[in-house]
């Protein structure tokens, strides 16, 4: 996502989610979910006409997020 007029210079994002439900009976359900997200390829140099850089630390922005959850 990019919006140069607003000062947003985006990159790429991917997300994979999987879930399994187990019904012990009509009143009890357990849900197991797993989500993996990756955000990367965000420019860290100041694009032409921009007054700031995306990363306050000056390094490349890349993040992986793994999130399991168990609900009942």
PDB file of N, CA and C in Angstrom:
ATOM      1  N   UNK A   1       0.847  -1.159   0.000  1.00  0.00           N
ATOM      2  CA  UNK A   1       0.000   0.000   0.000  1.00  0.00           C
ATOM      3  C   UNK A   1       0.901   1.232   0.000  1.00  0.00           C
ATOM      4  N   UNK A   2       0.656   2.135  -0.902  1.00  0.00           N
ATOM      5  CA  UNK A   2       1.405   3.381  -0.989  1.00  0.00           C
ATOM      6  C   UNK A   2       0.442   4.554  -1.059  1.00  0.00           C
ATOM      7  N   UNK A   3       0.783   5.612  -0.376  1.00  0.00           N
ATOM      8  CA  UNK A   3       0.049   6.870  -0.474  1.00  0.00           C
ATOM      9  C   UNK A   3       1.074   7.979  -0.266  1.00  0.00           C
ATOM     10  N   UNK A   4       1.776   8.318  -1.338  1.00  0.00           N
ATOM     11  CA  UNK A   4       2.874   9.274  -1.246  1.00  0.00           C
ATOM     12  C   UNK A   4       2.414  10.634  -0.732  1.00  0.00           C
ATOM     13  N   UNK A   5       1.190  11.046  -1.052  1.00  0.00           N
ATOM     14  CA  UNK A   5       0.702  12.339  -0.571  1.00  0.00           C
ATOM     15  C   UNK A   5       0.567  12.367   0.945  1.00  0.00           C
ATOM     16  N   UNK A   6       0.294  11.217   1.552  1.00  0.00           N
ATOM     17  CA  UNK A   6       0.164  11.129   3.010  1.00  0.00           C
ATOM     18  C   UNK A   6       1.474  10.720   3.674  1.00  0.00           C
ATOM     19  N   UNK A   7       2.526  10.504   2.896  1.00  0.00           N
ATOM     20  CA  UNK A   7       3.812  10.112   3.462  1.00  0.00           C
ATOM     21  C   UNK A   7       3.887   8.631   3.800  1.00  0.00           C
ATOM     22  N   UNK A   8       3.053   7.794   3.162  1.00  0.00           N
ATOM     23  CA  UNK A   8       3.059   6.355   3.415  1.00  0.00           C
ATOM     24  C   UNK A   8       3.714   5.670   2.219  1.00  0.00           C
ATOM     25  N   UNK A   9       4.809   4.976   2.479  1.00  0.00           N
ATOM     26  CA  UNK A   9       5.532   4.259   1.434  1.00  0.00           C
ATOM     27  C   UNK A   9       5.581   2.797   1.850  1.00  0.00           C
ATOM     28  N   UNK A  10       4.643   2.008   1.386  1.00  0.00           N
ATOM     29  CA  UNK A  10       4.444   0.641   1.872  1.00  0.00           C
ATOM     30  C   UNK A  10       5.338  -0.379   1.231  1.00  0.00           C
ATOM     31  N   UNK A  11       5.147  -1.607   1.674  1.00  0.00           N
ATOM     32  CA  UNK A  11       5.899  -2.745   1.166  1.00  0.00           C
ATOM     33  C   UNK A  11       4.955  -3.879   0.818  1.00  0.00           C
ATOM     34  N   UNK A  12       5.282  -5.078   1.321  1.00  0.00           N
ATOM     35  CA  UNK A  12       4.466  -6.255   1.046  1.00  0.00           C
ATOM     36  C   UNK A  12       4.026  -6.876   2.362  1.00  0.00           C
ATOM     37  N   UNK A  13       2.852  -7.504   2.318  1.00  0.00           N
ATOM     38  CA  UNK A  13       2.361  -8.222   3.483  1.00  0.00           C
ATOM     39  C   UNK A  13       1.707  -9.522   3.063  1.00  0.00           C
ATOM     40  N   UNK A  14       1.976 -10.589   3.801  1.00  0.00           N
ATOM     41  CA  UNK A  14       1.384 -11.900   3.553  1.00  0.00           C
ATOM     42  C   UNK A  14       0.853 -12.448   4.862  1.00  0.00           C
ATOM     43  N   UNK A  15      -0.252 -13.202   4.802  1.00  0.00           N
ATOM     44  CA  UNK A  15      -0.832 -13.786   5.991  1.00  0.00           C
ATOM     45  C   UNK A  15      -1.423 -15.155   5.641  1.00  0.00           C
ATOM     46  N   UNK A  16      -1.142 -16.139   6.499  1.00  0.00           N
ATOM     47  CA  UNK A  16      -1.712 -17.478   6.355  1.00  0.00           C
ATOM     48  C   UNK A  16      -2.351 -17.826   7.694  1.00  0.00           C
ATOM     49  N   UNK A  17      -3.600 -18.263   7.664  1.00  0.00           N
ATOM     50  CA  UNK A  17      -4.320 -18.626   8.882  1.00  0.00           C
ATOM     51  C   UNK A  17      -4.972 -19.989   8.689  1.00  0.00           C
ATOM     52  N   UNK A  18      -4.890 -20.829   9.729  1.00  0.00           N
ATOM     53  CA  UNK A  18      -5.543 -22.136   9.707  1.00  0.00           C
ATOM     54  C   UNK A  18      -6.226 -22.358  11.046  1.00  0.00           C
ATOM     55  N   UNK A  19      -7.317 -23.085  11.036  1.00  0.00           N
ATOM     56  CA  UNK A  19      -8.030 -23.337  12.282  1.00  0.00           C
ATOM     57  C   UNK A  19      -8.715 -24.699  12.279  1.00  0.00           C
ATOM     58  N   UNK A  20      -8.873 -25.263  13.481  1.00  0.00           N
ATOM     59  CA  UNK A  20      -9.547 -26.532  13.668  1.00  0.00           C
ATOM     60  C   UNK A  20     -10.532 -26.369  14.818  1.00  0.00           C
ATOM     61  N   UNK A  21     -11.757 -26.837  14.632  1.00  0.00           N
ATOM     62  CA  UNK A  21     -12.768 -26.826  15.686  1.00  0.00           C
ATOM     63  C   UNK A  21     -13.076 -28.261  16.090  1.00  0.00           C
ATOM     64  N   UNK A  22     -13.205 -28.501  17.407  1.00  0.00           N
ATOM     65  CA  UNK A  22     -13.604 -29.807  17.911  1.00  0.00           C
ATOM     66  C   UNK A  22     -14.806 -29.605  18.813  1.00  0.00           C
ATOM     67  N   UNK A  23     -15.876 -30.293  18.502  1.00  0.00           N
ATOM     68  CA  UNK A  23     -17.115 -30.197  19.263  1.00  0.00           C
ATOM     69  C   UNK A  23     -17.228 -31.424  20.165  1.00  0.00           C
ATOM     70  N   UNK A  24     -17.003 -31.251  21.475  1.00  0.00           N
ATOM     71  CA  UNK A  24     -17.122 -32.361  22.431  1.00  0.00           C
ATOM     72  C   UNK A  24     -18.581 -32.777  22.563  1.00  0.00           C
ATOM     73  N   UNK A  25     -19.463 -31.793  22.562  1.00  0.00           N
ATOM     74  CA  UNK A  25     -20.908 -32.026  22.534  1.00  0.00           C
ATOM     75  C   UNK A  25     -21.553 -30.730  22.041  1.00  0.00           C
ATOM     76  N   UNK A  26     -22.851 -30.630  22.072  1.00  0.00           N
ATOM     77  CA  UNK A  26     -23.504 -29.443  21.509  1.00  0.00           C
ATOM     78  C   UNK A  26     -23.281 -28.172  22.330  1.00  0.00           C
ATOM     79  N   UNK A  27     -22.709 -28.318  23.552  1.00  0.00           N
ATOM     80  CA  UNK A  27     -22.470 -27.149  24.407  1.00  0.00           C
ATOM     81  C   UNK A  27     -20.985 -26.814  24.591  1.00  0.00           C
ATOM     82  N   UNK A  28     -20.099 -27.680  24.158  1.00  0.00           N
ATOM     83  CA  UNK A  28     -18.655 -27.485  24.379  1.00  0.00           C
ATOM     84  C   UNK A  28     -17.928 -27.551  23.035  1.00  0.00           C
ATOM     85  N   UNK A  29     -17.146 -26.516  22.776  1.00  0.00           N
ATOM     86  CA  UNK A  29     -16.362 -26.454  21.546  1.00  0.00           C
ATOM     87  C   UNK A  29     -14.956 -25.953  21.884  1.00  0.00           C
ATOM     88  N   UNK A  30     -13.932 -26.578  21.337  1.00  0.00           N
ATOM     89  CA  UNK A  30     -12.554 -26.104  21.441  1.00  0.00           C
ATOM     90  C   UNK A  30     -12.111 -25.667  20.050  1.00  0.00           C
ATOM     91  N   UNK A  31     -11.464 -24.507  19.987  1.00  0.00           N
ATOM     92  CA  UNK A  31     -11.004 -23.970  18.711  1.00  0.00           C
ATOM     93  C   UNK A  31      -9.497 -23.727  18.795  1.00  0.00           C
ATOM     94  N   UNK A  32      -8.753 -24.275  17.845  1.00  0.00           N
ATOM     95  CA  UNK A  32      -7.312 -24.078  17.750  1.00  0.00           C
ATOM     96  C   UNK A  32      -7.039 -23.325  16.459  1.00  0.00           C
ATOM     97  N   UNK A  33      -6.419 -22.153  16.572  1.00  0.00           N
ATOM     98  CA  UNK A  33      -6.112 -21.320  15.417  1.00  0.00           C
ATOM     99  C   UNK A  33      -4.620 -21.026  15.383  1.00  0.00           C
ATOM    100  N   UNK A  34      -4.096 -20.886  14.184  1.00  0.00           N
ATOM    101  CA  UNK A  34      -2.695 -20.500  13.997  1.00  0.00           C
ATOM    102  C   UNK A  34      -2.638 -19.489  12.868  1.00  0.00           C
ATOM    103  N   UNK A  35      -1.904 -18.424  13.076  1.00  0.00           N
ATOM    104  CA  UNK A  35      -1.760 -17.395  12.059  1.00  0.00           C
ATOM    105  C   UNK A  35      -0.287 -17.029  11.918  1.00  0.00           C
ATOM    106  N   UNK A  36       0.173 -16.947  10.682  1.00  0.00           N
ATOM    107  CA  UNK A  36       1.544 -16.509  10.383  1.00  0.00           C
ATOM    108  C   UNK A  36       1.449 -15.300   9.454  1.00  0.00           C
ATOM    109  N   UNK A  37       2.040 -14.204   9.865  1.00  0.00           N
ATOM    110  CA  UNK A  37       2.042 -12.987   9.052  1.00  0.00           C
ATOM    111  C   UNK A  37       3.477 -12.535   8.819  1.00  0.00           C
ATOM    112  N   UNK A  38       3.733 -12.008   7.630  1.00  0.00           N
ATOM    113  CA  UNK A  38       5.055 -11.476   7.283  1.00  0.00           C
ATOM    114  C   UNK A  38       4.864 -10.119   6.621  1.00  0.00           C
ATOM    115  N   UNK A  39       5.611  -9.154   7.119  1.00  0.00           N
ATOM    116  CA  UNK A  39       5.604  -7.813   6.538  1.00  0.00           C
ATOM    117  C   UNK A  39       7.043  -7.489   6.168  1.00  0.00           C
ATOM    118  N   UNK A  40       7.269  -7.044   4.936  1.00  0.00           N
ATOM    119  CA  UNK A  40       8.632  -6.745   4.517  1.00  0.00           C
ATOM    120  C   UNK A  40       8.666  -5.877   3.284  1.00  0.00           C
ATOM    121  N   UNK A  41       9.856  -5.720   2.746  1.00  0.00           N
ATOM    122  CA  UNK A  41      10.102  -4.919   1.546  1.00  0.00           C
ATOM    123  C   UNK A  41       9.633  -3.475   1.704  1.00  0.00           C
ATOM    124  N   UNK A  42       9.739  -2.946   2.912  1.00  0.00           N
ATOM    125  CA  UNK A  42       9.354  -1.557   3.155  1.00  0.00           C
ATOM    126  C   UNK A  42      10.592  -0.695   2.940  1.00  0.00           C
ATOM    127  N   UNK A  43      10.505   0.318   2.099  1.00  0.00           N
ATOM    128  CA  UNK A  43      11.689   1.137   1.837  1.00  0.00           C
ATOM    129  C   UNK A  43      12.151   1.879   3.086  1.00  0.00           C
ATOM    130  N   UNK A  44      13.464   1.920   3.280  1.00  0.00           N
ATOM    131  CA  UNK A  44      14.017   2.624   4.437  1.00  0.00           C
ATOM    132  C   UNK A  44      14.760   3.887   4.037  1.00  0.00           C
ATOM    133  N   UNK A  45      14.907   4.123   2.753  1.00  0.00           N
ATOM    134  CA  UNK A  45      15.516   5.374   2.326  1.00  0.00           C
ATOM    135  C   UNK A  45      14.401   6.382   2.065  1.00  0.00           C
ATOM    136  N   UNK A  46      14.735   7.627   2.173  1.00  0.00           N
ATOM    137  CA  UNK A  46      13.733   8.672   1.997  1.00  0.00           C
ATOM    138  C   UNK A  46      13.402   8.813   0.518  1.00  0.00           C
ATOM    139  N   UNK A  47      12.140   8.508   0.126  1.00  0.00           N
ATOM    140  CA  UNK A  47      11.747   8.685  -1.271  1.00  0.00           C
ATOM    141  C   UNK A  47      11.780  10.161  -1.667  1.00  0.00           C
ATOM    142  N   UNK A  48      11.875  10.423  -2.938  1.00  0.00           N
ATOM    143  CA  UNK A  48      11.918  11.795  -3.442  1.00  0.00           C
ATOM    144  C   UNK A  48      10.693  12.575  -2.968  1.00  0.00           C
ATOM    145  N   UNK A  49      10.931  13.708  -2.344  1.00  0.00           N
ATOM    146  CA  UNK A  49       9.844  14.556  -1.865  1.00  0.00           C
ATOM    147  C   UNK A  49       9.368  14.234  -0.464  1.00  0.00           C
ATOM    148  N   UNK A  50       9.878  13.164   0.151  1.00  0.00           N
ATOM    149  CA  UNK A  50       9.455  12.804   1.509  1.00  0.00           C
ATOM    150  C   UNK A  50      10.322  13.524   2.526  1.00  0.00           C
ATOM    151  N   UNK A  51       9.760  13.753   3.695  1.00  0.00           N
ATOM    152  CA  UNK A  51      10.511  14.453   4.737  1.00  0.00           C
ATOM    153  C   UNK A  51      10.961  13.512   5.844  1.00  0.00           C
ATOM    154  N   UNK A  52      10.676  12.212   5.730  1.00  0.00           N
ATOM    155  CA  UNK A  52      11.075  11.265   6.757  1.00  0.00           C
ATOM    156  C   UNK A  52      11.275   9.894   6.136  1.00  0.00           C
ATOM    157  N   UNK A  53      11.842   8.987   6.938  1.00  0.00           N
ATOM    158  CA  UNK A  53      12.051   7.610   6.503  1.00  0.00           C
ATOM    159  C   UNK A  53      11.123   6.720   7.328  1.00  0.00           C
ATOM    160  N   UNK A  54      10.657   5.592   6.765  1.00  0.00           N
ATOM    161  CA  UNK A  54       9.716   4.716   7.457  1.00  0.00           C
ATOM    162  C   UNK A  54      10.254   4.163   8.774  1.00  0.00           C
ATOM    163  N   UNK A  55      11.528   3.790   8.808  1.00  0.00           N
ATOM    164  CA  UNK A  55      12.097   3.189  10.002  1.00  0.00           C
ATOM    165  C   UNK A  55      12.783   4.245  10.865  1.00  0.00           C
ATOM    166  N   UNK A  56      12.349   4.403  12.129  1.00  0.00           N
ATOM    167  CA  UNK A  56      13.027   5.363  13.002  1.00  0.00           C
ATOM    168  C   UNK A  56      14.433   4.913  13.366  1.00  0.00           C
ATOM    169  N   UNK A  57      14.760   3.616  13.147  1.00  0.00           N
ATOM    170  CA  UNK A  57      16.068   3.085  13.489  1.00  0.00           C
ATOM    171  C   UNK A  57      17.009   3.034  12.300  1.00  0.00           C
ATOM    172  N   UNK A  58      16.503   3.337  11.106  1.00  0.00           N
ATOM    173  CA  UNK A  58      17.357   3.391   9.924  1.00  0.00           C
ATOM    174  C   UNK A  58      17.633   2.056   9.274  1.00  0.00           C
ATOM    175  N   UNK A  59      17.189   0.947   9.867  1.00  0.00           N
ATOM    176  CA  UNK A  59      17.411  -0.372   9.287  1.00  0.00           C
ATOM    177  C   UNK A  59      16.220  -0.817   8.465  1.00  0.00           C
ATOM    178  N   UNK A  60      16.363  -1.938   7.785  1.00  0.00           N
ATOM    179  CA  UNK A  60      15.228  -2.437   6.997  1.00  0.00           C
ATOM    180  C   UNK A  60      14.094  -2.896   7.902  1.00  0.00           C
ATOM    181  N   UNK A  61      12.879  -2.621   7.482  1.00  0.00           N
ATOM    182  CA  UNK A  61      11.716  -3.051   8.241  1.00  0.00           C
ATOM    183  C   UNK A  61      11.240  -4.398   7.715  1.00  0.00           C
ATOM    184  N   UNK A  62      11.238  -5.393   8.554  1.00  0.00           N
ATOM    185  CA  UNK A  62      10.749  -6.715   8.198  1.00  0.00           C
ATOM    186  C   UNK A  62      10.276  -7.364   9.490  1.00  0.00           C
ATOM    187  N   UNK A  63       9.104  -7.948   9.469  1.00  0.00           N
ATOM    188  CA  UNK A  63       8.570  -8.525  10.689  1.00  0.00           C
ATOM    189  C   UNK A  63       7.827  -9.809  10.382  1.00  0.00           C
ATOM    190  N   UNK A  64       8.077 -10.835  11.200  1.00  0.00           N
ATOM    191  CA  UNK A  64       7.324 -12.080  11.149  1.00  0.00           C
ATOM    192  C   UNK A  64       6.535 -12.198  12.444  1.00  0.00           C
ATOM    193  N   UNK A  65       5.301 -12.636  12.342  1.00  0.00           N
ATOM    194  CA  UNK A  65       4.450 -12.792  13.502  1.00  0.00           C
ATOM    195  C   UNK A  65       3.797 -14.158  13.436  1.00  0.00           C
ATOM    196  N   UNK A  66       4.044 -14.987  14.444  1.00  0.00           N
ATOM    197  CA  UNK A  66       3.412 -16.301  14.567  1.00  0.00           C
ATOM    198  C   UNK A  66       2.517 -16.266  15.791  1.00  0.00           C
ATOM    199  N   UNK A  67       1.252 -16.586  15.619  1.00  0.00           N
ATOM    200  CA  UNK A  67       0.324 -16.454  16.722  1.00  0.00           C
ATOM    201  C   UNK A  67      -0.599 -17.668  16.813  1.00  0.00           C
ATOM    202  N   UNK A  68      -0.303 -18.600  17.747  1.00  0.00           N
ATOM    203  CA  UNK A  68      -1.254 -19.676  17.990  1.00  0.00           C
ATOM    204  C   UNK A  68      -2.281 -19.234  19.028  1.00  0.00           C
ATOM    205  N   UNK A  69      -3.478 -19.792  18.968  1.00  0.00           N
ATOM    206  CA  UNK A  69      -4.475 -19.496  20.001  1.00  0.00           C
ATOM    207  C   UNK A  69      -5.373 -20.709  20.199  1.00  0.00           C
ATOM    208  N   UNK A  70      -5.745 -20.932  21.450  1.00  0.00           N
ATOM    209  CA  UNK A  70      -6.649 -21.998  21.823  1.00  0.00           C
ATOM    210  C   UNK A  70      -7.797 -21.366  22.578  1.00  0.00           C
ATOM    211  N   UNK A  71      -9.003 -21.583  22.096  1.00  0.00           N
ATOM    212  CA  UNK A  71     -10.183 -20.992  22.730  1.00  0.00           C
ATOM    213  C   UNK A  71     -11.203 -22.079  23.012  1.00  0.00           C
ATOM    214  N   UNK A  72     -12.015 -21.833  24.000  1.00  0.00           N
ATOM    215  CA  UNK A  72     -13.048 -22.805  24.341  1.00  0.00           C
ATOM    216  C   UNK A  72     -14.402 -22.174  24.482  1.00  0.00           C
TER     217      UNK A  72
END
